[in-house]
Amino acid sequence: MAYDTSGFKLLLGGLSGAGNMNTWLLDSVDAIATVNTSNYVSDGYKKGARQGDIVIVRTRTTTLSGPVTAVNYCWVIDEATGTDTLGIDLTDGLAVTPTDTD
């Protein structure tokens, strides 16, 4: 499935000025190996994502409102990607290992 622009949202805005860092949420039905390719988030730069911002990626089943199957922490490694320079590139991601011992 292709990137759905409604799945990329600002969670927490950083402080204004130099050195600010935002936190974003990306809900996607695509695997992290697809999500972390350059320009997958083709409007990320346009929406305000910048190099060094944190992106929490929630992989879902077949819809953006479906059950979560994986969570990865990534950061924006490259900005202004794509021929229109409106996208971003994410790092490979750090998988959150699910445990529930109760």
C-alpha atoms as a PDB file:
ATOM      1  CA  MET A   1       0.000   0.000   0.000  1.00  0.00           C
ATOM      2  CA  ALA A   2       1.175   3.534  -0.672  1.00  0.00           C
ATOM      3  CA  TYR A   3       1.850   6.236   1.915  1.00  0.00           C
ATOM      4  CA  ASP A   4      -1.338   7.838   3.288  1.00  0.00           C
ATOM      5  CA  THR A   5      -0.732  11.507   4.154  1.00  0.00           C
ATOM      6  CA  SER A   6      -3.316  11.396   6.954  1.00  0.00           C
ATOM      7  CA  GLY A   7      -1.117   8.898   8.823  1.00  0.00           C
ATOM      8  CA  PHE A   8       1.728  11.396   9.473  1.00  0.00           C
ATOM      9  CA  LYS A   9       0.939  13.765  12.346  1.00  0.00           C
ATOM     10  CA  LEU A  10       2.837  16.103  14.667  1.00  0.00           C
ATOM     11  CA  LEU A  11       2.653  14.728  18.215  1.00  0.00           C
ATOM     12  CA  LEU A  12       4.786  17.235  20.084  1.00  0.00           C
ATOM     13  CA  GLY A  13       6.243  20.494  18.842  1.00  0.00           C
ATOM     14  CA  GLY A  14       9.723  21.396  20.016  1.00  0.00           C
ATOM     15  CA  LEU A  15      10.846  24.691  21.451  1.00  0.00           C
ATOM     16  CA  SER A  16      11.119  27.511  18.953  1.00  0.00           C
ATOM     17  CA  GLY A  17      14.473  28.614  17.612  1.00  0.00           C
ATOM     18  CA  ALA A  18      17.641  26.782  16.687  1.00  0.00           C
ATOM     19  CA  GLY A  19      17.982  23.242  17.958  1.00  0.00           C
ATOM     20  CA  ASN A  20      14.277  22.517  18.272  1.00  0.00           C
ATOM     21  CA  MET A  21      13.132  18.926  17.821  1.00  0.00           C
ATOM     22  CA  ASN A  22       9.633  17.739  16.993  1.00  0.00           C
ATOM     23  CA  THR A  23       8.084  14.346  17.636  1.00  0.00           C
ATOM     24  CA  TRP A  24       5.901  12.833  14.924  1.00  0.00           C
ATOM     25  CA  LEU A  25       3.595   9.812  14.646  1.00  0.00           C
ATOM     26  CA  LEU A  26       3.397   7.798  11.458  1.00  0.00           C
ATOM     27  CA  ASP A  27       0.658   5.183  11.173  1.00  0.00           C
ATOM     28  CA  SER A  28       1.164   2.912   8.189  1.00  0.00           C
ATOM     29  CA  VAL A  29       0.155  -0.513   6.950  1.00  0.00           C
ATOM     30  CA  ASP A  30       3.575  -0.880   5.288  1.00  0.00           C
ATOM     31  CA  ALA A  31       6.503  -2.684   6.901  1.00  0.00           C
ATOM     32  CA  ILE A  32       9.320  -0.608   8.381  1.00  0.00           C
ATOM     33  CA  ALA A  33      11.605  -1.660   5.499  1.00  0.00           C
ATOM     34  CA  THR A  34       9.240   0.184   3.146  1.00  0.00           C
ATOM     35  CA  VAL A  35       8.576   3.140   5.445  1.00  0.00           C
ATOM     36  CA  ASN A  36      12.256   3.930   5.943  1.00  0.00           C
ATOM     37  CA  THR A  37      13.012   4.331   2.245  1.00  0.00           C
ATOM     38  CA  SER A  38      13.870   7.812   1.050  1.00  0.00           C
ATOM     39  CA  ASN A  39      10.831   9.955   0.229  1.00  0.00           C
ATOM     40  CA  TYR A  40       8.272   7.411   1.498  1.00  0.00           C
ATOM     41  CA  VAL A  41       6.864  10.269   3.613  1.00  0.00           C
ATOM     42  CA  SER A  42       6.612  12.395   0.501  1.00  0.00           C
ATOM     43  CA  ASP A  43       5.189  15.467   2.252  1.00  0.00           C
ATOM     44  CA  GLY A  44       7.118  15.256   5.529  1.00  0.00           C
ATOM     45  CA  TYR A  45       9.333  18.278   4.850  1.00  0.00           C
ATOM     46  CA  LYS A  46       6.306  20.228   3.666  1.00  0.00           C
ATOM     47  CA  LYS A  47       4.526  19.390   6.949  1.00  0.00           C
ATOM     48  CA  GLY A  48       7.538  20.622   8.956  1.00  0.00           C
ATOM     49  CA  ALA A  49       9.638  17.522   9.696  1.00  0.00           C
ATOM     50  CA  ARG A  50      13.348  18.318   9.882  1.00  0.00           C
ATOM     51  CA  GLN A  51      16.607  16.397  10.224  1.00  0.00           C
ATOM     52  CA  GLY A  52      16.890  15.056  13.782  1.00  0.00           C
ATOM     53  CA  ASP A  53      13.151  14.965  14.511  1.00  0.00           C
ATOM     54  CA  ILE A  54      11.853  11.782  16.161  1.00  0.00           C
ATOM     55  CA  VAL A  55       9.250   9.683  14.314  1.00  0.00           C
ATOM     56  CA  ILE A  56       7.298   6.929  16.072  1.00  0.00           C
ATOM     57  CA  VAL A  57       6.151   4.473  13.415  1.00  0.00           C
ATOM     58  CA  ARG A  58       3.148   2.275  14.226  1.00  0.00           C
ATOM     59  CA  THR A  59       2.646  -0.520  11.735  1.00  0.00           C
ATOM     60  CA  ARG A  60      -0.993  -1.531  11.512  1.00  0.00           C
ATOM     61  CA  THR A  61      -2.839  -4.388   9.842  1.00  0.00           C
ATOM     62  CA  THR A  62      -4.863  -3.436   6.773  1.00  0.00           C
ATOM     63  CA  THR A  63      -6.107   0.058   7.713  1.00  0.00           C
ATOM     64  CA  LEU A  64      -4.693   3.045   9.597  1.00  0.00           C
ATOM     65  CA  SER A  65      -7.197   2.347  12.368  1.00  0.00           C
ATOM     66  CA  GLY A  66      -6.478  -1.389  12.535  1.00  0.00           C
ATOM     67  CA  PRO A  67      -4.576  -3.207  15.288  1.00  0.00           C
ATOM     68  CA  VAL A  68      -0.921  -2.281  15.843  1.00  0.00           C
ATOM     69  CA  THR A  69       1.482  -5.050  14.818  1.00  0.00           C
ATOM     70  CA  ALA A  70       4.821  -3.272  15.388  1.00  0.00           C
ATOM     71  CA  VAL A  71       6.285  -0.050  16.756  1.00  0.00           C
ATOM     72  CA  ASN A  72       9.616   1.473  15.700  1.00  0.00           C
ATOM     73  CA  TYR A  73      11.434   4.611  16.786  1.00  0.00           C
ATOM     74  CA  CYS A  74      13.108   6.423  13.907  1.00  0.00           C
ATOM     75  CA  TRP A  75      14.513   9.862  13.253  1.00  0.00           C
ATOM     76  CA  VAL A  76      14.629  12.032  10.174  1.00  0.00           C
ATOM     77  CA  ILE A  77      18.046  11.534   8.613  1.00  0.00           C
ATOM     78  CA  ASP A  78      17.452  13.480   5.398  1.00  0.00           C
ATOM     79  CA  GLU A  79      15.039  16.265   4.530  1.00  0.00           C
ATOM     80  CA  ALA A  80      13.741  17.853   1.333  1.00  0.00           C
ATOM     81  CA  THR A  81      13.843  14.559  -0.580  1.00  0.00           C
ATOM     82  CA  GLY A  82      12.160  13.726  -3.857  1.00  0.00           C
ATOM     83  CA  THR A  83      12.121  15.690  -7.071  1.00  0.00           C
ATOM     84  CA  ASP A  84       9.765  18.224  -5.481  1.00  0.00           C
ATOM     85  CA  THR A  85      11.969  18.420  -2.301  1.00  0.00           C
ATOM     86  CA  LEU A  86       8.920  17.955  -0.035  1.00  0.00           C
ATOM     87  CA  GLY A  87       9.723  14.540   1.471  1.00  0.00           C
ATOM     88  CA  ILE A  88      11.918  13.059   4.180  1.00  0.00           C
ATOM     89  CA  ASP A  89      14.002   9.934   4.754  1.00  0.00           C
ATOM     90  CA  LEU A  90      13.832   7.993   8.035  1.00  0.00           C
ATOM     91  CA  THR A  91      16.490   5.878   9.723  1.00  0.00           C
ATOM     92  CA  ASP A  92      16.028   2.098   9.792  1.00  0.00           C
ATOM     93  CA  GLY A  93      14.260   2.287  13.131  1.00  0.00           C
ATOM     94  CA  LEU A  94      14.629   0.743  16.555  1.00  0.00           C
ATOM     95  CA  ALA A  95      11.994  -1.920  17.129  1.00  0.00           C
ATOM     96  CA  VAL A  96      10.106  -1.862  20.405  1.00  0.00           C
ATOM     97  CA  THR A  97       9.891  -5.428  21.649  1.00  0.00           C
ATOM     98  CA  PRO A  98       6.411  -6.225  22.914  1.00  0.00           C
ATOM     99  CA  THR A  99       6.179  -8.087  26.203  1.00  0.00           C
ATOM    100  CA  ASP A 100       3.240  -8.748  28.459  1.00  0.00           C
ATOM    101  CA  THR A 101       4.133 -11.080  31.307  1.00  0.00           C
ATOM    102  CA  ASP A 102       0.885 -10.854  33.285  1.00  0.00           C
END
